[in-house]
Amino acid sequence: VALTASGKRKDCFVVGVDKSEEMLKL
């Protein structure tokens, strides 16, 4: 979702938060 938003909106500053360390590495 974060990448979809930043790809569609160049004016977009996204902070993505998750509890899974392995998902965040990817």
mmCIF file of all heavy atoms, coordinates in Angstrom:
data_MODEL
# 
_entry.id   MODEL 
# 
loop_
_atom_site.group_PDB 
_atom_site.id 
_atom_site.type_symbol 
_atom_site.label_atom_id 
_atom_site.label_alt_id 
_atom_site.label_comp_id 
_atom_site.label_asym_id 
_atom_site.label_entity_id 
_atom_site.label_seq_id 
_atom_site.pdbx_PDB_ins_code 
_atom_site.Cartn_x 
_atom_site.Cartn_y 
_atom_site.Cartn_z 
_atom_site.occupancy 
_atom_site.B_iso_or_equiv 
_atom_site.pdbx_formal_charge 
_atom_site.auth_seq_id 
_atom_site.auth_comp_id 
_atom_site.auth_asym_id 
_atom_site.auth_atom_id 
_atom_site.pdbx_PDB_model_num 
ATOM 1   N N   . VAL A 1 1  ? 0.840  -1.207  0.000  1.00 0.00 ? 1  VAL A N   1 
ATOM 2   C CA  . VAL A 1 1  ? 0.000  0.000   0.000  1.00 0.00 ? 1  VAL A CA  1 
ATOM 3   C C   . VAL A 1 1  ? 0.869  1.249   0.000  1.00 0.00 ? 1  VAL A C   1 
ATOM 4   O O   . VAL A 1 1  ? 0.614  2.203   -0.742 1.00 0.00 ? 1  VAL A O   1 
ATOM 5   C CB  . VAL A 1 1  ? -0.964 0.007   1.206  1.00 0.00 ? 1  VAL A CB  1 
ATOM 6   C CG1 . VAL A 1 1  ? -1.641 1.376   1.355  1.00 0.00 ? 1  VAL A CG1 1 
ATOM 7   C CG2 . VAL A 1 1  ? -2.030 -1.075  1.054  1.00 0.00 ? 1  VAL A CG2 1 
ATOM 8   N N   . ALA A 1 2  ? 1.906  1.258   0.831  1.00 0.00 ? 2  ALA A N   1 
ATOM 9   C CA  . ALA A 1 2  ? 2.807  2.417   0.901  1.00 0.00 ? 2  ALA A CA  1 
ATOM 10  C C   . ALA A 1 2  ? 3.423  2.724   -0.461 1.00 0.00 ? 2  ALA A C   1 
ATOM 11  O O   . ALA A 1 2  ? 3.479  3.889   -0.889 1.00 0.00 ? 2  ALA A O   1 
ATOM 12  C CB  . ALA A 1 2  ? 3.895  2.158   1.937  1.00 0.00 ? 2  ALA A CB  1 
ATOM 13  N N   . LEU A 1 3  ? 3.877  1.686   -1.163 1.00 0.00 ? 3  LEU A N   1 
ATOM 14  C CA  . LEU A 1 3  ? 4.492  1.885   -2.475 1.00 0.00 ? 3  LEU A CA  1 
ATOM 15  C C   . LEU A 1 3  ? 3.463  2.256   -3.539 1.00 0.00 ? 3  LEU A C   1 
ATOM 16  O O   . LEU A 1 3  ? 3.765  3.039   -4.443 1.00 0.00 ? 3  LEU A O   1 
ATOM 17  C CB  . LEU A 1 3  ? 5.259  0.625   -2.881 1.00 0.00 ? 3  LEU A CB  1 
ATOM 18  C CG  . LEU A 1 3  ? 6.564  0.405   -2.113 1.00 0.00 ? 3  LEU A CG  1 
ATOM 19  C CD1 . LEU A 1 3  ? 7.103  -0.997  -2.359 1.00 0.00 ? 3  LEU A CD1 1 
ATOM 20  C CD2 . LEU A 1 3  ? 7.599  1.459   -2.488 1.00 0.00 ? 3  LEU A CD2 1 
ATOM 21  N N   . THR A 1 4  ? 2.262  1.706   -3.438 1.00 0.00 ? 4  THR A N   1 
ATOM 22  C CA  . THR A 1 4  ? 1.204  2.088   -4.374 1.00 0.00 ? 4  THR A CA  1 
ATOM 23  C C   . THR A 1 4  ? 0.869  3.561   -4.208 1.00 0.00 ? 4  THR A C   1 
ATOM 24  O O   . THR A 1 4  ? 0.710  4.296   -5.189 1.00 0.00 ? 4  THR A O   1 
ATOM 25  C CB  . THR A 1 4  ? -0.062 1.235   -4.144 1.00 0.00 ? 4  THR A CB  1 
ATOM 26  O OG1 . THR A 1 4  ? 0.252  -0.142  -4.330 1.00 0.00 ? 4  THR A OG1 1 
ATOM 27  C CG2 . THR A 1 4  ? -1.165 1.619   -5.111 1.00 0.00 ? 4  THR A CG2 1 
ATOM 28  N N   . ALA A 1 5  ? 0.785  4.010   -2.950 1.00 0.00 ? 5  ALA A N   1 
ATOM 29  C CA  . ALA A 1 5  ? 0.473  5.416   -2.674 1.00 0.00 ? 5  ALA A CA  1 
ATOM 30  C C   . ALA A 1 5  ? 1.587  6.334   -3.165 1.00 0.00 ? 5  ALA A C   1 
ATOM 31  O O   . ALA A 1 5  ? 1.333  7.357   -3.818 1.00 0.00 ? 5  ALA A O   1 
ATOM 32  C CB  . ALA A 1 5  ? 0.238  5.622   -1.182 1.00 0.00 ? 5  ALA A CB  1 
ATOM 33  N N   . SER A 1 6  ? 2.833  5.978   -2.873 1.00 0.00 ? 6  SER A N   1 
ATOM 34  C CA  . SER A 1 6  ? 3.950  6.843   -3.272 1.00 0.00 ? 6  SER A CA  1 
ATOM 35  C C   . SER A 1 6  ? 4.149  6.840   -4.781 1.00 0.00 ? 6  SER A C   1 
ATOM 36  O O   . SER A 1 6  ? 4.629  7.823   -5.355 1.00 0.00 ? 6  SER A O   1 
ATOM 37  C CB  . SER A 1 6  ? 5.242  6.402   -2.573 1.00 0.00 ? 6  SER A CB  1 
ATOM 38  O OG  . SER A 1 6  ? 5.666  5.132   -3.027 1.00 0.00 ? 6  SER A OG  1 
ATOM 39  N N   . GLY A 1 7  ? 3.766  5.740   -5.444 1.00 0.00 ? 7  GLY A N   1 
ATOM 40  C CA  . GLY A 1 7  ? 3.862  5.683   -6.895 1.00 0.00 ? 7  GLY A CA  1 
ATOM 41  C C   . GLY A 1 7  ? 2.802  6.526   -7.577 1.00 0.00 ? 7  GLY A C   1 
ATOM 42  O O   . GLY A 1 7  ? 3.044  7.128   -8.627 1.00 0.00 ? 7  GLY A O   1 
ATOM 43  N N   . LYS A 1 8  ? 1.630  6.591   -6.976 1.00 0.00 ? 8  LYS A N   1 
ATOM 44  C CA  . LYS A 1 8  ? 0.521  7.347   -7.560 1.00 0.00 ? 8  LYS A CA  1 
ATOM 45  C C   . LYS A 1 8  ? 0.594  8.829   -7.205 1.00 0.00 ? 8  LYS A C   1 
ATOM 46  O O   . LYS A 1 8  ? 0.224  9.685   -8.005 1.00 0.00 ? 8  LYS A O   1 
ATOM 47  C CB  . LYS A 1 8  ? -0.812 6.768   -7.065 1.00 0.00 ? 8  LYS A CB  1 
ATOM 48  C CG  . LYS A 1 8  ? -2.052 7.385   -7.690 1.00 0.00 ? 8  LYS A CG  1 
ATOM 49  C CD  . LYS A 1 8  ? -3.298 6.697   -7.173 1.00 0.00 ? 8  LYS A CD  1 
ATOM 50  C CE  . LYS A 1 8  ? -4.569 7.345   -7.719 1.00 0.00 ? 8  LYS A CE  1 
ATOM 51  N NZ  . LYS A 1 8  ? -4.732 7.141   -9.164 1.00 0.00 ? 8  LYS A NZ  1 
ATOM 52  N N   . ARG A 1 9  ? 1.084  9.109   -5.988 1.00 0.00 ? 9  ARG A N   1 
ATOM 53  C CA  . ARG A 1 9  ? 1.118  10.484  -5.500 1.00 0.00 ? 9  ARG A CA  1 
ATOM 54  C C   . ARG A 1 9  ? 2.561  10.895  -5.209 1.00 0.00 ? 9  ARG A C   1 
ATOM 55  O O   . ARG A 1 9  ? 3.134  10.506  -4.190 1.00 0.00 ? 9  ARG A O   1 
ATOM 56  C CB  . ARG A 1 9  ? 0.280  10.597  -4.216 1.00 0.00 ? 9  ARG A CB  1 
ATOM 57  C CG  . ARG A 1 9  ? -1.201 10.268  -4.382 1.00 0.00 ? 9  ARG A CG  1 
ATOM 58  C CD  . ARG A 1 9  ? -1.981 11.459  -4.908 1.00 0.00 ? 9  ARG A CD  1 
ATOM 59  N NE  . ARG A 1 9  ? -1.907 12.568  -3.982 1.00 0.00 ? 9  ARG A NE  1 
ATOM 60  C CZ  . ARG A 1 9  ? -2.801 12.785  -3.007 1.00 0.00 ? 9  ARG A CZ  1 
ATOM 61  N NH1 . ARG A 1 9  ? -3.811 11.953  -2.819 1.00 0.00 ? 9  ARG A NH1 1 
ATOM 62  N NH2 . ARG A 1 9  ? -2.688 13.847  -2.223 1.00 0.00 ? 9  ARG A NH2 1 
ATOM 63  N N   . LYS A 1 10 ? 3.150  11.669  -6.079 1.00 0.00 ? 10 LYS A N   1 
ATOM 64  C CA  . LYS A 1 10 ? 4.539  12.100  -5.884 1.00 0.00 ? 10 LYS A CA  1 
ATOM 65  C C   . LYS A 1 10 ? 4.673  13.059  -4.712 1.00 0.00 ? 10 LYS A C   1 
ATOM 66  O O   . LYS A 1 10 ? 5.776  13.300  -4.210 1.00 0.00 ? 10 LYS A O   1 
ATOM 67  C CB  . LYS A 1 10 ? 5.068  12.763  -7.159 1.00 0.00 ? 10 LYS A CB  1 
ATOM 68  C CG  . LYS A 1 10 ? 4.993  11.885  -8.401 1.00 0.00 ? 10 LYS A CG  1 
ATOM 69  C CD  . LYS A 1 10 ? 5.737  10.570  -8.222 1.00 0.00 ? 10 LYS A CD  1 
ATOM 70  C CE  . LYS A 1 10 ? 5.652  9.722   -9.488 1.00 0.00 ? 10 LYS A CE  1 
ATOM 71  N NZ  . LYS A 1 10 ? 6.252  8.389   -9.319 1.00 0.00 ? 10 LYS A NZ  1 
ATOM 72  N N   . ASP A 1 11 ? 3.553  13.645  -4.278 1.00 0.00 ? 11 ASP A N   1 
ATOM 73  C CA  . ASP A 1 11 ? 3.555  14.568  -3.151 1.00 0.00 ? 11 ASP A CA  1 
ATOM 74  C C   . ASP A 1 11 ? 3.345  13.843  -1.826 1.00 0.00 ? 11 ASP A C   1 
ATOM 75  O O   . ASP A 1 11 ? 3.140  14.463  -0.788 1.00 0.00 ? 11 ASP A O   1 
ATOM 76  C CB  . ASP A 1 11 ? 2.436  15.600  -3.325 1.00 0.00 ? 11 ASP A CB  1 
ATOM 77  C CG  . ASP A 1 11 ? 1.042  14.951  -3.348 1.00 0.00 ? 11 ASP A CG  1 
ATOM 78  O OD1 . ASP A 1 11 ? 0.945  13.771  -3.740 1.00 0.00 ? 11 ASP A OD1 1 
ATOM 79  O OD2 . ASP A 1 11 ? 0.076  15.614  -2.954 1.00 0.00 ? 11 ASP A OD2 1 
ATOM 80  N N   . CYS A 1 12 ? 3.418  12.505  -1.861 1.00 0.00 ? 12 CYS A N   1 
ATOM 81  C CA  . CYS A 1 12 ? 3.048  11.680  -0.706 1.00 0.00 ? 12 CYS A CA  1 
ATOM 82  C C   . CYS A 1 12 ? 4.266  11.312  0.137  1.00 0.00 ? 12 CYS A C   1 
ATOM 83  O O   . CYS A 1 12 ? 5.266  10.825  -0.380 1.00 0.00 ? 12 CYS A O   1 
ATOM 84  C CB  . CYS A 1 12 ? 2.362  10.416  -1.215 1.00 0.00 ? 12 CYS A CB  1 
ATOM 85  S SG  . CYS A 1 12 ? 1.630  9.413   0.065  1.00 0.00 ? 12 CYS A SG  1 
ATOM 86  N N   . PHE A 1 13 ? 4.162  11.557  1.434  1.00 0.00 ? 13 PHE A N   1 
ATOM 87  C CA  . PHE A 1 13 ? 5.185  11.142  2.394  1.00 0.00 ? 13 PHE A CA  1 
ATOM 88  C C   . PHE A 1 13 ? 4.558  10.050  3.260  1.00 0.00 ? 13 PHE A C   1 
ATOM 89  O O   . PHE A 1 13 ? 3.621  10.318  4.011  1.00 0.00 ? 13 PHE A O   1 
ATOM 90  C CB  . PHE A 1 13 ? 5.640  12.322  3.244  1.00 0.00 ? 13 PHE A CB  1 
ATOM 91  C CG  . PHE A 1 13 ? 6.290  13.416  2.458  1.00 0.00 ? 13 PHE A CG  1 
ATOM 92  C CD1 . PHE A 1 13 ? 5.525  14.426  1.897  1.00 0.00 ? 13 PHE A CD1 1 
ATOM 93  C CD2 . PHE A 1 13 ? 7.667  13.435  2.261  1.00 0.00 ? 13 PHE A CD2 1 
ATOM 94  C CE1 . PHE A 1 13 ? 6.119  15.440  1.162  1.00 0.00 ? 13 PHE A CE1 1 
ATOM 95  C CE2 . PHE A 1 13 ? 8.270  14.442  1.523  1.00 0.00 ? 13 PHE A CE2 1 
ATOM 96  C CZ  . PHE A 1 13 ? 7.494  15.446  0.968  1.00 0.00 ? 13 PHE A CZ  1 
ATOM 97  N N   . VAL A 1 14 ? 5.071  8.837   3.143  1.00 0.00 ? 14 VAL A N   1 
ATOM 98  C CA  . VAL A 1 14 ? 4.449  7.689   3.805  1.00 0.00 ? 14 VAL A CA  1 
ATOM 99  C C   . VAL A 1 14 ? 5.349  7.138   4.900  1.00 0.00 ? 14 VAL A C   1 
ATOM 100 O O   . VAL A 1 14 ? 6.548  6.957   4.694  1.00 0.00 ? 14 VAL A O   1 
ATOM 101 C CB  . VAL A 1 14 ? 4.163  6.539   2.796  1.00 0.00 ? 14 VAL A CB  1 
ATOM 102 C CG1 . VAL A 1 14 ? 3.266  5.481   3.446  1.00 0.00 ? 14 VAL A CG1 1 
ATOM 103 C CG2 . VAL A 1 14 ? 3.532  7.063   1.524  1.00 0.00 ? 14 VAL A CG2 1 
ATOM 104 N N   . VAL A 1 15 ? 4.730  6.853   6.045  1.00 0.00 ? 15 VAL A N   1 
ATOM 105 C CA  . VAL A 1 15 ? 5.398  6.080   7.087  1.00 0.00 ? 15 VAL A CA  1 
ATOM 106 C C   . VAL A 1 15 ? 4.638  4.766   7.211  1.00 0.00 ? 15 VAL A C   1 
ATOM 107 O O   . VAL A 1 15 ? 3.433  4.762   7.473  1.00 0.00 ? 15 VAL A O   1 
ATOM 108 C CB  . VAL A 1 15 ? 5.394  6.816   8.446  1.00 0.00 ? 15 VAL A CB  1 
ATOM 109 C CG1 . VAL A 1 15 ? 6.006  5.921   9.525  1.00 0.00 ? 15 VAL A CG1 1 
ATOM 110 C CG2 . VAL A 1 15 ? 6.157  8.128   8.344  1.00 0.00 ? 15 VAL A CG2 1 
ATOM 111 N N   . GLY A 1 16 ? 5.330  3.652   6.974  1.00 0.00 ? 16 GLY A N   1 
ATOM 112 C CA  . GLY A 1 16 ? 4.728  2.328   7.097  1.00 0.00 ? 16 GLY A CA  1 
ATOM 113 C C   . GLY A 1 16 ? 5.172  1.666   8.393  1.00 0.00 ? 16 GLY A C   1 
ATOM 114 O O   . GLY A 1 16 ? 6.373  1.627   8.683  1.00 0.00 ? 16 GLY A O   1 
ATOM 115 N N   . VAL A 1 17 ? 4.229  1.178   9.168  1.00 0.00 ? 17 VAL A N   1 
ATOM 116 C CA  . VAL A 1 17 ? 4.531  0.573   10.466 1.00 0.00 ? 17 VAL A CA  1 
ATOM 117 C C   . VAL A 1 17 ? 4.011  -0.858  10.511 1.00 0.00 ? 17 VAL A C   1 
ATOM 118 O O   . VAL A 1 17 ? 2.893  -1.134  10.062 1.00 0.00 ? 17 VAL A O   1 
ATOM 119 C CB  . VAL A 1 17 ? 3.891  1.391   11.613 1.00 0.00 ? 17 VAL A CB  1 
ATOM 120 C CG1 . VAL A 1 17 ? 4.109  0.710   12.953 1.00 0.00 ? 17 VAL A CG1 1 
ATOM 121 C CG2 . VAL A 1 17 ? 4.450  2.799   11.635 1.00 0.00 ? 17 VAL A CG2 1 
ATOM 122 N N   . ASP A 1 18 ? 4.828  -1.759  11.033 1.00 0.00 ? 18 ASP A N   1 
ATOM 123 C CA  . ASP A 1 18 ? 4.416  -3.153  11.171 1.00 0.00 ? 18 ASP A CA  1 
ATOM 124 C C   . ASP A 1 18 ? 5.153  -3.767  12.360 1.00 0.00 ? 18 ASP A C   1 
ATOM 125 O O   . ASP A 1 18 ? 6.242  -3.307  12.735 1.00 0.00 ? 18 ASP A O   1 
ATOM 126 C CB  . ASP A 1 18 ? 4.720  -3.947  9.898  1.00 0.00 ? 18 ASP A CB  1 
ATOM 127 C CG  . ASP A 1 18 ? 3.864  -5.198  9.783  1.00 0.00 ? 18 ASP A CG  1 
ATOM 128 O OD1 . ASP A 1 18 ? 4.120  -6.181  10.508 1.00 0.00 ? 18 ASP A OD1 1 
ATOM 129 O OD2 . ASP A 1 18 ? 2.921  -5.198  8.968  1.00 0.00 ? 18 ASP A OD2 1 
ATOM 130 N N   . LYS A 1 19 ? 4.559  -4.828  12.922 1.00 0.00 ? 19 LYS A N   1 
ATOM 131 C CA  . LYS A 1 19 ? 5.171  -5.490  14.074 1.00 0.00 ? 19 LYS A CA  1 
ATOM 132 C C   . LYS A 1 19 ? 6.088  -6.635  13.655 1.00 0.00 ? 19 LYS A C   1 
ATOM 133 O O   . LYS A 1 19 ? 6.901  -7.123  14.437 1.00 0.00 ? 19 LYS A O   1 
ATOM 134 C CB  . LYS A 1 19 ? 4.057  -6.020  14.981 1.00 0.00 ? 19 LYS A CB  1 
ATOM 135 C CG  . LYS A 1 19 ? 4.424  -6.109  16.448 1.00 0.00 ? 19 LYS A CG  1 
ATOM 136 C CD  . LYS A 1 19 ? 3.188  -6.417  17.289 1.00 0.00 ? 19 LYS A CD  1 
ATOM 137 C CE  . LYS A 1 19 ? 3.561  -6.536  18.761 1.00 0.00 ? 19 LYS A CE  1 
ATOM 138 N NZ  . LYS A 1 19 ? 2.379  -6.819  19.602 1.00 0.00 ? 19 LYS A NZ  1 
ATOM 139 N N   . SER A 1 20 ? 5.975  -7.083  12.398 1.00 0.00 ? 20 SER A N   1 
ATOM 140 C CA  . SER A 1 20 ? 6.761  -8.219  11.906 1.00 0.00 ? 20 SER A CA  1 
ATOM 141 C C   . SER A 1 20 ? 8.096  -7.751  11.327 1.00 0.00 ? 20 SER A C   1 
ATOM 142 O O   . SER A 1 20 ? 8.140  -7.048  10.314 1.00 0.00 ? 20 SER A O   1 
ATOM 143 C CB  . SER A 1 20 ? 5.973  -8.982  10.836 1.00 0.00 ? 20 SER A CB  1 
ATOM 144 O OG  . SER A 1 20 ? 6.811  -9.890  10.145 1.00 0.00 ? 20 SER A OG  1 
ATOM 145 N N   . GLU A 1 21 ? 9.173  -8.163  11.941 1.00 0.00 ? 21 GLU A N   1 
ATOM 146 C CA  . GLU A 1 21 ? 10.506 -7.774  11.483 1.00 0.00 ? 21 GLU A CA  1 
ATOM 147 C C   . GLU A 1 21 ? 10.816 -8.324  10.098 1.00 0.00 ? 21 GLU A C   1 
ATOM 148 O O   . GLU A 1 21 ? 11.418 -7.641  9.259  1.00 0.00 ? 21 GLU A O   1 
ATOM 149 C CB  . GLU A 1 21 ? 11.562 -8.247  12.480 1.00 0.00 ? 21 GLU A CB  1 
ATOM 150 C CG  . GLU A 1 21 ? 11.532 -7.527  13.807 1.00 0.00 ? 21 GLU A CG  1 
ATOM 151 C CD  . GLU A 1 21 ? 12.698 -7.927  14.702 1.00 0.00 ? 21 GLU A CD  1 
ATOM 152 O OE1 . GLU A 1 21 ? 13.777 -8.213  14.159 1.00 0.00 ? 21 GLU A OE1 1 
ATOM 153 O OE2 . GLU A 1 21 ? 12.519 -7.950  15.926 1.00 0.00 ? 21 GLU A OE2 1 
ATOM 154 N N   . GLU A 1 22 ? 10.426 -9.572  9.845  1.00 0.00 ? 22 GLU A N   1 
ATOM 155 C CA  . GLU A 1 22 ? 10.750 -10.196 8.557  1.00 0.00 ? 22 GLU A CA  1 
ATOM 156 C C   . GLU A 1 22 ? 9.978  -9.549  7.409  1.00 0.00 ? 22 GLU A C   1 
ATOM 157 O O   . GLU A 1 22 ? 10.518 -9.395  6.307  1.00 0.00 ? 22 GLU A O   1 
ATOM 158 C CB  . GLU A 1 22 ? 10.449 -11.700 8.622  1.00 0.00 ? 22 GLU A CB  1 
ATOM 159 C CG  . GLU A 1 22 ? 11.326 -12.464 9.599  1.00 0.00 ? 22 GLU A CG  1 
ATOM 160 C CD  . GLU A 1 22 ? 12.809 -12.291 9.324  1.00 0.00 ? 22 GLU A CD  1 
ATOM 161 O OE1 . GLU A 1 22 ? 13.195 -12.334 8.136  1.00 0.00 ? 22 GLU A OE1 1 
ATOM 162 O OE2 . GLU A 1 22 ? 13.579 -12.098 10.282 1.00 0.00 ? 22 GLU A OE2 1 
ATOM 163 N N   . MET A 1 23 ? 8.754  -9.151  7.657  1.00 0.00 ? 23 MET A N   1 
ATOM 164 C CA  . MET A 1 23 ? 7.977  -8.461  6.624  1.00 0.00 ? 23 MET A CA  1 
ATOM 165 C C   . MET A 1 23 ? 8.616  -7.104  6.322  1.00 0.00 ? 23 MET A C   1 
ATOM 166 O O   . MET A 1 23 ? 8.702  -6.689  5.154  1.00 0.00 ? 23 MET A O   1 
ATOM 167 C CB  . MET A 1 23 ? 6.529  -8.268  7.096  1.00 0.00 ? 23 MET A CB  1 
ATOM 168 C CG  . MET A 1 23 ? 5.759  -9.565  7.296  1.00 0.00 ? 23 MET A CG  1 
ATOM 169 S SD  . MET A 1 23 ? 5.207  -10.335 5.765  1.00 0.00 ? 23 MET A SD  1 
ATOM 170 C CE  . MET A 1 23 ? 3.639  -9.527  5.552  1.00 0.00 ? 23 MET A CE  1 
ATOM 171 N N   . LEU A 1 24 ? 9.081  -6.425  7.348  1.00 0.00 ? 24 LEU A N   1 
ATOM 172 C CA  . LEU A 1 24 ? 9.711  -5.125  7.148  1.00 0.00 ? 24 LEU A CA  1 
ATOM 173 C C   . LEU A 1 24 ? 11.028 -5.236  6.385  1.00 0.00 ? 24 LEU A C   1 
ATOM 174 O O   . LEU A 1 24 ? 11.388 -4.339  5.624  1.00 0.00 ? 24 LEU A O   1 
ATOM 175 C CB  . LEU A 1 24 ? 9.936  -4.427  8.493  1.00 0.00 ? 24 LEU A CB  1 
ATOM 176 C CG  . LEU A 1 24 ? 8.676  -3.892  9.179  1.00 0.00 ? 24 LEU A CG  1 
ATOM 177 C CD1 . LEU A 1 24 ? 9.018  -3.309  10.537 1.00 0.00 ? 24 LEU A CD1 1 
ATOM 178 C CD2 . LEU A 1 24 ? 7.965  -2.852  8.322  1.00 0.00 ? 24 LEU A CD2 1 
ATOM 179 N N   . LYS A 1 25 ? 11.758 -6.330  6.580  1.00 0.00 ? 25 LYS A N   1 
ATOM 180 C CA  . LYS A 1 25 ? 12.993 -6.530  5.805  1.00 0.00 ? 25 LYS A CA  1 
ATOM 181 C C   . LYS A 1 25 ? 12.674 -6.604  4.319  1.00 0.00 ? 25 LYS A C   1 
ATOM 182 O O   . LYS A 1 25 ? 13.373 -6.004  3.481  1.00 0.00 ? 25 LYS A O   1 
ATOM 183 C CB  . LYS A 1 25 ? 13.687 -7.824  6.248  1.00 0.00 ? 25 LYS A CB  1 
ATOM 184 C CG  . LYS A 1 25 ? 14.374 -7.730  7.601  1.00 0.00 ? 25 LYS A CG  1 
ATOM 185 C CD  . LYS A 1 25 ? 14.994 -9.066  7.970  1.00 0.00 ? 25 LYS A CD  1 
ATOM 186 C CE  . LYS A 1 25 ? 15.602 -9.034  9.378  1.00 0.00 ? 25 LYS A CE  1 
ATOM 187 N NZ  . LYS A 1 25 ? 16.143 -10.366 9.767  1.00 0.00 ? 25 LYS A NZ  1 
ATOM 188 N N   . LEU A 1 26 ? 11.622 -7.329  3.969  1.00 0.00 ? 26 LEU A N   1 
ATOM 189 C CA  . LEU A 1 26 ? 11.211 -7.416  2.566  1.00 0.00 ? 26 LEU A CA  1 
ATOM 190 C C   . LEU A 1 26 ? 10.712 -6.069  2.065  1.00 0.00 ? 26 LEU A C   1 
ATOM 191 O O   . LEU A 1 26 ? 10.969 -5.691  0.918  1.00 0.00 ? 26 LEU A O   1 
ATOM 192 C CB  . LEU A 1 26 ? 10.120 -8.475  2.409  1.00 0.00 ? 26 LEU A CB  1 
ATOM 193 C CG  . LEU A 1 26 ? 10.581 -9.922  2.620  1.00 0.00 ? 26 LEU A CG  1 
ATOM 194 C CD1 . LEU A 1 26 ? 9.387  -10.860 2.658  1.00 0.00 ? 26 LEU A CD1 1 
ATOM 195 C CD2 . LEU A 1 26 ? 11.539 -10.346 1.511  1.00 0.00 ? 26 LEU A CD2 1 
# 
